[in-house]
Protein backbone atom coordinates (compact mmCIF):
# COMPACT_ATOMS: atom_id res chain seq x y z
CA MET A 1 0.00 0.00 0.00
CA ALA A 2 1.46 3.33 -1.10
CA ALA A 3 1.89 6.00 1.56
CA ARG A 4 -0.50 8.94 1.32
CA ALA A 5 0.60 12.45 2.26
CA MET A 6 -1.43 13.95 5.12
CA TRP A 7 0.00 17.49 5.03
CA LYS A 8 2.20 19.70 2.88
CA GLY A 9 4.62 22.42 3.92
CA GLN A 10 8.16 23.68 3.58
CA ILE A 11 11.20 23.41 5.79
CA ARG A 12 12.70 26.84 6.37
CA PHE A 13 16.07 27.64 7.88
CA GLY A 14 17.82 30.87 7.08
CA ASP A 15 17.02 31.81 3.49
CA VAL A 16 16.49 28.18 2.42
CA ASP A 17 13.04 26.68 1.74
CA VAL A 18 12.62 22.95 1.12
CA PRO A 19 9.09 21.92 0.05
CA VAL A 20 8.01 18.63 1.66
CA LYS A 21 5.06 16.30 2.11
CA LEU A 22 4.36 14.76 5.52
CA TYR A 23 3.46 11.09 5.95
CA SER A 24 2.64 9.15 9.10
CA ALA A 25 5.44 6.71 9.99
CA VAL A 26 3.19 4.52 12.14
CA GLN A 27 -0.31 3.10 11.89
CA GLY A 28 -2.48 1.96 14.77
CA GLN A 29 -3.55 -1.68 14.81
CA ASP A 30 -5.67 -1.72 17.95
CA VAL A 31 -8.57 -4.17 18.01
CA HIS A 32 -11.90 -2.32 17.92
CA PHE A 33 -15.18 -3.96 18.86
CA ARG A 34 -18.73 -2.92 18.01
CA LEU A 35 -20.99 -2.64 21.04
CA LEU A 36 -24.35 -4.36 20.54
CA HIS A 37 -27.55 -4.67 22.54
CA GLU A 38 -27.55 -8.16 24.00
CA LYS A 39 -31.17 -8.92 23.11
CA ASP A 40 -31.52 -7.83 19.48
CA LEU A 41 -27.80 -7.32 18.62
CA GLN A 42 -28.42 -3.77 17.42
CA PRO A 43 -25.51 -1.31 17.73
CA VAL A 44 -25.68 0.92 20.77
CA LYS A 45 -24.34 4.49 20.92
CA GLN A 46 -22.95 6.78 23.56
CA GLU A 47 -24.74 9.98 24.47
CA MET A 48 -24.14 12.87 26.85
CA VAL A 49 -26.65 12.62 29.70
CA ASN A 50 -27.62 15.04 32.44
CA PRO A 51 -26.85 13.06 35.62
CA GLU A 52 -29.67 14.78 37.56
CA THR A 53 -32.51 14.30 35.06
CA GLY A 54 -31.20 11.35 33.05
CA ARG A 55 -32.10 13.19 29.84
CA VAL A 56 -29.86 13.28 26.76
CA VAL A 57 -28.15 16.66 26.24
CA PRO A 58 -27.86 17.74 22.55
CA TYR A 59 -24.34 18.66 21.44
CA GLU A 60 -25.31 22.28 20.75
CA LYS A 61 -26.45 22.62 24.38
CA ILE A 62 -23.10 21.51 25.85
CA GLN A 63 -20.96 24.21 27.49
CA ARG A 64 -17.17 23.81 27.85
CA ALA A 65 -15.56 24.63 31.17
CA TYR A 66 -12.08 24.36 32.70
CA GLN A 67 -11.78 23.20 36.29
CA THR A 68 -9.11 24.99 38.32
CA GLU A 69 -7.02 23.39 41.05
CA GLU A 70 -9.37 25.02 43.56
CA GLY A 71 -12.34 23.26 41.95
CA ASP A 72 -13.84 26.33 40.27
CA LEU A 73 -15.35 25.90 36.79
CA ILE A 74 -14.40 28.61 34.28
CA LEU A 75 -16.83 28.74 31.35
CA LEU A 76 -15.30 29.06 27.86
CA ASP A 77 -17.14 29.51 24.58
CA ASP A 78 -16.12 28.46 21.07
CA GLU A 79 -15.40 32.04 19.95
CA GLU A 80 -12.96 32.63 22.80
CA LEU A 81 -11.12 29.38 22.13
CA ALA A 82 -10.97 30.08 18.39
CA GLU A 83 -9.17 33.37 19.08
CA LEU A 84 -6.43 31.44 20.90
CA GLU A 85 -5.69 29.12 18.00
CA PRO A 86 -2.31 29.68 16.28
CA PRO A 87 -2.43 31.27 12.81
CA ALA A 88 -2.39 28.77 9.96
CA SER A 89 1.02 28.23 8.38
CA ARG A 90 2.83 25.86 6.03
CA GLU A 91 6.31 26.54 7.40
CA ILE A 92 8.42 24.09 9.38
CA GLU A 93 10.83 26.52 10.97
CA ILE A 94 14.21 25.14 12.04
CA THR A 95 15.38 27.15 15.05
CA ARG A 96 18.70 25.38 15.64
CA PHE A 97 20.70 22.21 15.02
CA VAL A 98 21.83 20.08 17.95
CA SER A 99 23.61 16.81 18.67
CA PRO A 100 21.23 13.79 18.85
CA GLU A 101 22.44 13.23 22.41
CA ALA A 102 20.87 16.56 23.38
CA ILE A 103 17.39 15.00 23.10
CA THR A 104 16.84 12.10 25.49
CA HIS A 105 14.38 9.32 24.63
CA GLU A 106 11.51 10.43 26.84
CA TRP A 107 11.07 13.63 24.82
CA TYR A 108 10.30 11.87 21.52
CA ASP A 109 6.61 11.39 20.73
CA ARG A 110 5.24 10.49 17.27
CA PRO A 111 7.32 9.91 14.10
CA TYR A 112 6.51 11.19 10.62
CA TYR A 113 8.28 10.83 7.28
CA LEU A 114 8.97 13.88 5.14
CA GLY A 115 9.11 13.31 1.41
CA PRO A 116 10.20 15.74 -1.34
CA ASP A 117 7.53 17.90 -2.94
CA GLY A 118 8.88 19.00 -6.30
CA ASP A 119 12.49 19.84 -5.42
CA ASP A 120 14.37 16.58 -4.93
CA ALA A 121 17.82 18.19 -5.09
CA GLN A 122 17.31 20.48 -2.09
CA TYR A 123 15.53 17.76 -0.17
CA PHE A 124 18.24 15.12 -0.52
CA ALA A 125 20.98 17.70 -0.03
CA LEU A 126 19.47 18.58 3.37
CA ALA A 127 19.18 14.90 4.32
CA ALA A 128 22.81 14.30 3.33
CA ALA A 129 23.94 17.35 5.31
CA LEU A 130 22.18 16.14 8.48
CA ALA A 131 23.76 12.71 8.10
CA LYS A 132 27.23 14.09 7.50
CA LYS A 133 27.08 16.62 10.33
CA LYS A 134 25.35 14.10 12.64
CA VAL A 135 22.87 16.65 13.94
CA GLU A 136 19.13 17.00 14.36
CA GLY A 137 17.13 20.15 13.69
CA ILE A 138 14.74 21.57 16.28
CA ALA A 139 11.57 22.48 14.39
CA ARG A 140 8.39 24.42 15.06
CA TRP A 141 5.26 24.28 12.91
CA VAL A 142 1.46 24.57 12.98
CA MET A 143 -0.68 21.73 11.68
CA ARG A 144 -4.45 21.46 11.95
CA LYS A 145 -4.80 24.33 14.41
CA LYS A 146 -2.15 22.97 16.76
CA GLU A 147 1.43 24.06 17.43
CA TYR A 148 4.15 21.39 17.37
CA VAL A 149 7.79 21.15 18.31
CA GLY A 150 9.83 18.38 16.75
CA ALA A 151 13.19 16.95 15.77
CA LEU A 152 14.21 16.83 12.12
CA LEU A 153 16.61 13.99 11.36
CA GLU A 154 17.95 11.85 8.54
CA GLU A 155 16.82 8.23 8.19
CA ASP A 156 18.25 6.04 5.41
CA GLY A 157 18.75 9.01 3.12
CA TYR A 158 15.32 10.52 3.80
CA LEU A 159 14.03 13.09 6.28
CA MET A 160 12.06 12.20 9.38
CA LEU A 161 10.19 14.56 11.69
CA ILE A 162 9.44 13.35 15.23
CA THR A 163 7.18 15.45 17.42
CA LEU A 164 8.59 16.27 20.84
CA ARG A 165 6.67 16.50 24.08
CA HIS A 166 6.31 19.92 25.65
CA ALA A 167 7.90 21.12 28.86
CA GLY A 168 5.85 19.90 31.80
CA GLU A 169 4.86 16.62 30.10
CA VAL A 170 8.13 14.83 30.78
CA ILE A 171 8.78 13.62 34.33
CA PRO A 172 12.52 13.74 35.15
CA VAL A 173 14.15 10.56 36.40
CA THR A 174 15.19 12.50 39.50
CA ALA A 175 11.54 12.32 40.58
CA LEU A 176 12.05 8.64 41.41
CA ASN A 177 12.76 7.69 44.99
CA ALA A 178 16.35 6.78 45.74
CA PRO A 179 16.90 2.99 45.99
CA LYS A 180 16.86 1.56 49.48
CA GLY A 181 18.19 -1.64 50.98
CA ARG A 182 21.51 -3.38 50.81
CA ALA A 183 24.04 -2.81 48.08
CA LEU A 184 24.56 -5.48 45.40
CA ASP A 185 27.48 -7.78 45.98
CA GLN A 186 30.04 -8.44 43.26
CA ARG A 187 28.70 -11.92 42.51
CA GLU A 188 25.27 -10.51 41.66
CA VAL A 189 26.81 -7.83 39.47
CA ASN A 190 28.90 -10.43 37.60
CA MET A 191 25.87 -12.69 37.09
CA ALA A 192 23.86 -9.76 35.73
CA LYS A 193 26.68 -8.99 33.28
CA GLN A 194 26.68 -12.63 32.13
CA LEU A 195 22.92 -12.51 31.60
CA VAL A 196 23.22 -9.33 29.52
CA SER A 197 26.01 -10.91 27.46
CA ALA A 198 23.97 -14.08 26.96
CA LEU A 199 21.04 -12.08 25.60
CA GLU A 200 23.08 -9.97 23.18
CA GLY A 201 22.22 -10.56 19.54
CA GLU A 202 20.73 -9.21 16.32
CA LEU A 203 17.44 -7.33 16.47
CA ASP A 204 14.56 -8.28 14.17
CA MET A 205 11.68 -5.86 14.77
CA THR A 206 9.25 -8.09 12.83
CA GLN A 207 9.31 -10.43 15.83
CA PHE A 208 7.54 -7.84 17.99
CA ARG A 209 3.95 -8.64 17.12
CA ASP A 210 0.79 -7.83 19.04
CA GLU A 211 0.03 -11.40 20.08
CA TYR A 212 -3.32 -10.46 21.63
CA ARG A 213 -4.44 -8.88 18.34
CA ASP A 214 -3.27 -11.93 16.37
CA ARG A 215 -5.24 -14.25 18.67
CA VAL A 216 -8.37 -12.12 18.47
CA LEU A 217 -8.26 -12.06 14.67
CA GLU A 218 -7.63 -15.81 14.59
CA LEU A 219 -10.61 -16.31 16.88
CA VAL A 220 -12.81 -14.05 14.74
CA GLU A 221 -11.82 -15.85 11.53
CA ALA A 222 -12.46 -19.25 13.10
CA LYS A 223 -15.88 -18.28 14.47
CA ALA A 224 -16.83 -16.77 11.10
CA GLU A 225 -16.13 -20.21 9.58
CA GLY A 226 -17.99 -22.02 12.36
CA LYS A 227 -14.84 -23.44 13.91
CA VAL A 228 -13.76 -23.60 17.54
CA VAL A 229 -10.32 -22.39 18.61
CA LYS A 230 -8.73 -23.26 21.92
CA PHE A 231 -5.63 -21.36 22.92
CA PRO A 232 -3.17 -22.97 25.35
CA THR A 233 -3.06 -21.42 28.78
CA VAL A 234 0.36 -20.09 29.69
CA GLU A 235 1.19 -20.94 33.28
CA ARG A 236 3.34 -18.48 35.15
CA ARG A 237 5.37 -19.56 38.13
CA GLU A 238 7.32 -17.35 40.42
CA GLU A 239 10.94 -18.17 41.03
CA GLU A 240 12.17 -18.05 44.59
CA GLY A 241 15.60 -17.56 46.02
CA SER A 242 18.24 -14.87 46.22
CA LEU A 243 18.93 -12.41 43.42
CA ALA A 244 22.16 -14.23 42.59
CA GLU A 245 20.32 -17.58 42.36
CA MET A 246 17.63 -16.15 40.10
CA LEU A 247 20.27 -14.58 37.86
CA ALA A 248 22.15 -17.87 37.69
CA ARG A 249 18.97 -19.70 36.62
CA SER A 250 18.28 -17.04 34.00
CA VAL A 251 21.80 -17.30 32.57
CA LYS A 252 21.56 -21.10 32.44
CA ALA A 253 18.11 -21.08 30.79
CA THR A 254 19.21 -18.49 28.24
CA LYS A 255 22.30 -20.49 27.28
CA GLN A 256 20.19 -23.65 26.91
CA ARG A 257 17.77 -21.85 24.59
CA ARG A 258 20.73 -20.60 22.54
CA VAL A 259 22.04 -24.15 22.18
CA ARG A 260 18.63 -25.54 21.16
CA GLY A 261 18.01 -22.63 18.78
């Protein structure tokens, strides 16, 4: 299936403009179910209901409000909110270039591909420059009435744009409580190193499937054909013993799987 552009714009830095098309780099594959009335199997729908009267409230009669930390409700109308929307734009403004290490993993959000839009030379020249300099661009743009901040980077000769979370959304690791209890002894540290070494290998991302989704679709297909599917129950057992003993068992089991595989 060919990718379909969802937005068009131009990358701007300095006096340079690079026209691009934006494509989603991911697609959701969540399992969605239809909700039916148990008796006649007719689809049911959700409605907004007044909790005091039990009556359905039409959409045009719904009033937006923001609840403050003190519990007060501040009424807001559509006209007021519309005035706060950012002005429409087709520019992806690059504010600076930084080392990839400057952006830690928790800041990355959703990835998009950028493809050329009529000027392949400028597009691929920019991608090559990012790869050679080993930098990422910090970008700002407006899309569908929303402001975004993102990282512009090179991926296999093409450009990728990954939205970044805003300040206040990311919880710093320093918010975690300091570890308590005894310190690890050297034997446990060595066993952990052995386990890490035993699990080192090549990465094949096609192995990371949504097994629940696969089973649901298999069940649906079987029931549609009048068949019965029974899935084996996976028994989980908790290992007991010291940390060193559990690590030793893990190392042994991993090595045995490597030998069999």
